[in-house]
C-alpha atoms as a PDB file:
ATOM      1  CA  MET A   1     -10.497  -0.522 -21.939  1.00  0.00           C
ATOM      2  CA  THR A   2      -9.807  -4.282 -22.037  1.00  0.00           C
ATOM      3  CA  LEU A   3      -9.587  -5.684 -18.465  1.00  0.00           C
ATOM      4  CA  SER A   4      -5.738  -6.836 -18.654  1.00  0.00           C
ATOM      5  CA  GLU A   5      -5.228  -2.736 -19.488  1.00  0.00           C
ATOM      6  CA  LYS A   6      -7.713  -1.869 -16.955  1.00  0.00           C
ATOM      7  CA  GLN A   7      -5.636  -4.423 -13.816  1.00  0.00           C
ATOM      8  CA  GLN A   8      -2.561  -2.556 -15.285  1.00  0.00           C
ATOM      9  CA  LEU A   9      -3.697   1.160 -14.868  1.00  0.00           C
ATOM     10  CA  PHE A  10      -4.510   0.106 -11.037  1.00  0.00           C
ATOM     11  CA  THR A  11      -1.498  -1.292 -10.388  1.00  0.00           C
ATOM     12  CA  ILE A  12      -0.017   2.292 -11.613  1.00  0.00           C
ATOM     13  CA  MET A  13      -2.476   4.343  -9.207  1.00  0.00           C
ATOM     14  CA  VAL A  14      -2.178   1.515  -6.001  1.00  0.00           C
ATOM     15  CA  ALA A  15       1.726   2.432  -6.269  1.00  0.00           C
ATOM     16  CA  ASN A  16       0.926   6.541  -6.573  1.00  0.00           C
ATOM     17  CA  LEU A  17      -1.081   5.846  -3.592  1.00  0.00           C
ATOM     18  CA  ILE A  18       1.296   4.221  -1.124  1.00  0.00           C
ATOM     19  CA  HIS A  19       3.923   6.864  -2.853  1.00  0.00           C
ATOM     20  CA  TRP A  20       1.563   9.232  -1.652  1.00  0.00           C
ATOM     21  CA  ALA A  21       0.833   7.596   1.543  1.00  0.00           C
ATOM     22  CA  GLU A  22       4.364   7.528   2.668  1.00  0.00           C
ATOM     23  CA  GLU A  23       5.265  10.919   1.745  1.00  0.00           C
ATOM     24  CA  HIS A  24       2.137  12.436   4.128  1.00  0.00           C
ATOM     25  CA  GLY A  25       3.467   9.998   6.379  1.00  0.00           C
ATOM     26  CA  TYR A  26       1.198   7.199   6.869  1.00  0.00           C
ATOM     27  CA  ARG A  27       2.333   3.221   6.723  1.00  0.00           C
ATOM     28  CA  LEU A  28       0.429   1.061   4.339  1.00  0.00           C
ATOM     29  CA  THR A  29       0.592  -2.467   4.212  1.00  0.00           C
ATOM     30  CA  PHE A  30      -0.982  -5.316   2.255  1.00  0.00           C
ATOM     31  CA  GLY A  31      -4.534  -6.681   3.627  1.00  0.00           C
ATOM     32  CA  GLU A  32      -6.283  -8.829   1.010  1.00  0.00           C
ATOM     33  CA  ALA A  33      -5.492  -8.186  -2.311  1.00  0.00           C
ATOM     34  CA  TYR A  34      -6.686 -10.546  -4.549  1.00  0.00           C
ATOM     35  CA  ARG A  35      -9.693 -13.026  -4.011  1.00  0.00           C
ATOM     36  CA  THR A  36     -10.975 -16.230  -5.115  1.00  0.00           C
ATOM     37  CA  PRO A  37     -14.008 -16.723  -6.516  1.00  0.00           C
ATOM     38  CA  GLU A  38     -15.178 -18.641  -3.869  1.00  0.00           C
ATOM     39  CA  GLN A  39     -13.651 -16.649  -1.112  1.00  0.00           C
ATOM     40  CA  ALA A  40     -15.915 -13.821  -2.802  1.00  0.00           C
ATOM     41  CA  ALA A  41     -19.364 -16.491  -2.408  1.00  0.00           C
ATOM     42  CA  LEU A  42     -18.142 -17.151   1.276  1.00  0.00           C
ATOM     43  CA  ASN A  43     -18.221 -13.176   2.096  1.00  0.00           C
ATOM     44  CA  ALA A  44     -21.373 -13.485   0.573  1.00  0.00           C
ATOM     45  CA  LYS A  45     -23.002 -16.332   2.118  1.00  0.00           C
ATOM     46  CA  LYS A  46     -21.923 -14.061   5.481  1.00  0.00           C
ATOM     47  CA  GLY A  47     -22.987 -11.174   4.509  1.00  0.00           C
ATOM     48  CA  SER A  48     -19.323  -9.389   4.422  1.00  0.00           C
ATOM     49  CA  GLY A  49     -18.673  -9.678   0.760  1.00  0.00           C
ATOM     50  CA  ILE A  50     -20.799  -9.742  -2.755  1.00  0.00           C
ATOM     51  CA  THR A  51     -19.961 -12.859  -5.055  1.00  0.00           C
ATOM     52  CA  ASN A  52     -19.070 -10.111  -8.052  1.00  0.00           C
ATOM     53  CA  SER A  53     -15.559  -8.861  -5.649  1.00  0.00           C
ATOM     54  CA  LEU A  54     -13.484  -6.725  -7.559  1.00  0.00           C
ATOM     55  CA  HIS A  55     -10.354  -8.040  -5.558  1.00  0.00           C
ATOM     56  CA  THR A  56     -11.369 -11.786  -8.077  1.00  0.00           C
ATOM     57  CA  ARG A  57     -10.916  -9.084 -11.156  1.00  0.00           C
ATOM     58  CA  ARG A  58      -7.389  -7.950  -9.848  1.00  0.00           C
ATOM     59  CA  LEU A  59      -8.922  -4.410  -9.315  1.00  0.00           C
ATOM     60  CA  ALA A  60      -8.874  -3.670  -5.966  1.00  0.00           C
ATOM     61  CA  VAL A  61      -6.684  -3.918  -2.878  1.00  0.00           C
ATOM     62  CA  ASP A  62      -7.630  -3.577   0.992  1.00  0.00           C
ATOM     63  CA  PHE A  63      -4.769  -1.786   3.401  1.00  0.00           C
ATOM     64  CA  ASN A  64      -3.907  -2.004   6.871  1.00  0.00           C
ATOM     65  CA  LEU A  65      -2.466   1.579   8.153  1.00  0.00           C
ATOM     66  CA  PHE A  66      -0.316   2.983  10.347  1.00  0.00           C
ATOM     67  CA  VAL A  67       0.180   6.702  11.440  1.00  0.00           C
ATOM     68  CA  ASN A  68       2.746   6.944  14.073  1.00  0.00           C
ATOM     69  CA  GLY A  69       3.358   3.036  14.339  1.00  0.00           C
ATOM     70  CA  GLN A  70      -0.548   2.757  15.522  1.00  0.00           C
ATOM     71  CA  TYR A  71      -2.829   0.016  13.670  1.00  0.00           C
ATOM     72  CA  GLN A  72      -5.917   2.226  12.114  1.00  0.00           C
ATOM     73  CA  THR A  73      -9.240   0.935  11.961  1.00  0.00           C
ATOM     74  CA  ARG A  74     -11.765   3.336  11.567  1.00  0.00           C
ATOM     75  CA  THR A  75     -12.812   4.612   7.524  1.00  0.00           C
ATOM     76  CA  GLU A  76     -12.369   8.049   9.110  1.00  0.00           C
ATOM     77  CA  ASP A  77      -8.679   7.644   9.470  1.00  0.00           C
ATOM     78  CA  TYR A  78      -8.123   6.796   5.911  1.00  0.00           C
ATOM     79  CA  LEU A  79     -10.172   9.712   4.548  1.00  0.00           C
ATOM     80  CA  PRO A  80      -7.103  11.362   3.267  1.00  0.00           C
ATOM     81  CA  LEU A  81      -6.171   8.070   1.652  1.00  0.00           C
ATOM     82  CA  GLY A  82      -9.585   7.767   0.300  1.00  0.00           C
ATOM     83  CA  GLU A  83      -9.981  11.730  -1.332  1.00  0.00           C
ATOM     84  CA  TYR A  84      -6.149  10.910  -3.578  1.00  0.00           C
ATOM     85  CA  TRP A  85      -7.473   7.666  -4.407  1.00  0.00           C
ATOM     86  CA  GLU A  86     -10.014   9.191  -5.751  1.00  0.00           C
ATOM     87  CA  SER A  87      -8.465  12.354  -7.691  1.00  0.00           C
ATOM     88  CA  LEU A  88      -7.117   9.276  -9.492  1.00  0.00           C
ATOM     89  CA  GLY A  89     -10.270   7.809 -10.643  1.00  0.00           C
ATOM     90  CA  GLY A  90     -10.475   4.992  -8.497  1.00  0.00           C
ATOM     91  CA  SER A  91     -13.636   4.206  -5.383  1.00  0.00           C
ATOM     92  CA  TRP A  92     -12.754   4.344  -2.061  1.00  0.00           C
ATOM     93  CA  GLY A  93     -14.851   2.190   0.173  1.00  0.00           C
ATOM     94  CA  GLY A  94     -15.433   4.536   2.769  1.00  0.00           C
ATOM     95  CA  ARG A  95     -18.068   6.285   0.608  1.00  0.00           C
ATOM     96  CA  PHE A  96     -19.634   2.254   0.325  1.00  0.00           C
ATOM     97  CA  LYS A  97     -23.795   3.344   1.031  1.00  0.00           C
ATOM     98  CA  SER A  98     -24.321  -0.196   3.391  1.00  0.00           C
ATOM     99  CA  ARG A  99     -21.431  -1.621   4.803  1.00  0.00           C
ATOM    100  CA  PRO A 100     -18.340   1.569   4.509  1.00  0.00           C
ATOM    101  CA  ASP A 101     -14.920  -0.005   3.531  1.00  0.00           C
ATOM    102  CA  GLY A 102     -12.708   2.293   4.767  1.00  0.00           C
ATOM    103  CA  ASN A 103      -9.330  -0.060   3.744  1.00  0.00           C
ATOM    104  CA  HIS A 104     -10.548  -0.634   0.640  1.00  0.00           C
ATOM    105  CA  PHE A 105      -9.657   0.835  -2.891  1.00  0.00           C
ATOM    106  CA  SER A 106     -10.690  -0.498  -6.305  1.00  0.00           C
ATOM    107  CA  LEU A 107     -10.770   1.258  -9.668  1.00  0.00           C
ATOM    108  CA  GLU A 108     -15.153   0.525 -11.343  1.00  0.00           C
ATOM    109  CA  HIS A 109     -15.676  -2.680 -13.850  1.00  0.00           C
ATOM    110  CA  ASP A 110     -18.875  -3.226 -15.184  1.00  0.00           C
ATOM    111  CA  GLY A 111     -20.892  -1.345 -13.472  1.00  0.00           C
ATOM    112  CA  VAL A 112     -18.943  -2.845  -9.605  1.00  0.00           C
ATOM    113  CA  ARG A 113     -16.967  -0.527  -7.786  1.00  0.00           C
END
């Protein structure tokens, strides 16, 4: 699958996640979707990201989650969304071993999740 085809699939998966969240009482707003390579390098230098972030390939998105109007920040709060995302074939940041990132939803590419 080409990068472009994977980006198109990712876009459809994100739309499905947003619809699923809405149907289950969750409200989402976009956090970070695209990240420049320069920003990814800065984040990596600070220890808050990786240089080859899937955000730079348009294959990752961070969402802000609201439940009953309250902003949710804990990885556990995102678990139902993460499990649904994984059922679509995506990678959920809440499963990251070194630094769980519950608001991160991506599609694996070249071994990066």
